[in-house]
Amino acid sequence: MITIKVNEKEHHLPKTISLQETLEQLSIVQNGIALAINQNIISKDKWATTTLTNNDNILIIKATQGG
């Protein structure tokens, strides 16, 4: 098991899990979001191949519409 934080909330996940699998496991909608791991932006085409490690800090930014 590894421990990560997603928007400051702690989660415990299997040892080898990709960013994509993490989003699916946490039921996070993947459209209209940007992700950073430890303050490094990860492009969407690398989500499936980016493996998380213990103590990673993930920031999810959601696009919103406003006026």
Protein backbone atom coordinates (compact mmCIF):
# COMPACT_ATOMS: atom_id res chain seq x y z
CA MET A 1 0.00 0.00 0.00
CA ILE A 2 1.00 3.58 -0.65
CA THR A 3 -0.38 6.77 0.83
CA ILE A 4 -1.10 9.73 -1.45
CA LYS A 5 -2.94 13.00 -1.07
CA VAL A 6 -5.51 14.20 -3.59
CA ASN A 7 -6.38 17.85 -3.05
CA GLU A 8 -5.11 17.51 0.55
CA LYS A 9 -7.23 14.41 1.29
CA GLU A 10 -5.28 11.27 2.16
CA HIS A 11 -5.92 8.00 0.31
CA HIS A 12 -4.41 4.52 0.60
CA LEU A 13 -3.93 2.68 -2.69
CA PRO A 14 -2.28 -0.46 -4.07
CA LYS A 15 1.49 -0.22 -4.43
CA THR A 16 1.61 -0.07 -8.24
CA ILE A 17 -1.17 2.07 -9.60
CA SER A 18 -1.25 4.56 -12.43
CA LEU A 19 -2.65 8.04 -12.25
CA GLN A 20 -5.44 6.97 -14.63
CA GLU A 21 -6.36 3.99 -12.42
CA THR A 22 -6.36 6.24 -9.36
CA LEU A 23 -8.84 8.62 -10.94
CA GLU A 24 -11.09 5.70 -11.87
CA GLN A 25 -10.83 4.13 -8.42
CA LEU A 26 -11.70 7.43 -6.73
CA SER A 27 -14.59 8.04 -9.20
CA ILE A 28 -13.13 11.34 -10.39
CA VAL A 29 -14.61 12.67 -13.64
CA GLN A 30 -11.73 13.04 -16.08
CA ASN A 31 -13.20 15.61 -18.46
CA GLY A 32 -12.31 19.24 -17.86
CA ILE A 33 -9.56 18.66 -15.29
CA ALA A 34 -5.83 19.27 -15.11
CA LEU A 35 -3.51 17.29 -12.84
CA ALA A 36 -0.24 17.96 -11.10
CA ILE A 37 1.83 15.54 -9.06
CA ASN A 38 4.15 17.20 -6.56
CA GLN A 39 3.65 20.51 -8.40
CA ASN A 40 4.55 19.04 -11.81
CA ILE A 41 1.78 19.17 -14.41
CA ILE A 42 1.06 15.80 -16.03
CA SER A 43 -0.41 15.90 -19.54
CA LYS A 44 -3.49 13.77 -20.11
CA ASP A 45 -1.70 11.51 -22.58
CA LYS A 46 0.66 10.42 -19.75
CA TRP A 47 -1.97 9.64 -17.10
CA ALA A 48 -2.09 5.92 -17.99
CA THR A 49 1.69 5.51 -17.84
CA THR A 50 2.44 7.68 -14.81
CA THR A 51 2.85 5.49 -11.73
CA LEU A 52 2.23 6.95 -8.30
CA THR A 53 4.63 6.53 -5.40
CA ASN A 54 4.26 6.83 -1.66
CA ASN A 55 3.59 10.38 -0.40
CA ASP A 56 2.76 11.82 -3.83
CA ASN A 57 0.65 14.95 -3.62
CA ILE A 58 -1.89 15.23 -6.44
CA LEU A 59 -3.62 18.48 -7.23
CA ILE A 60 -6.77 18.36 -9.36
CA ILE A 61 -7.89 21.58 -10.97
CA LYS A 62 -11.36 21.64 -12.49
CA ALA A 63 -12.29 23.95 -15.33
CA THR A 64 -15.39 26.01 -14.63
CA GLN A 65 -17.49 28.36 -16.68
CA GLY A 66 -18.40 31.75 -15.42
CA GLY A 67 -19.46 35.12 -16.51
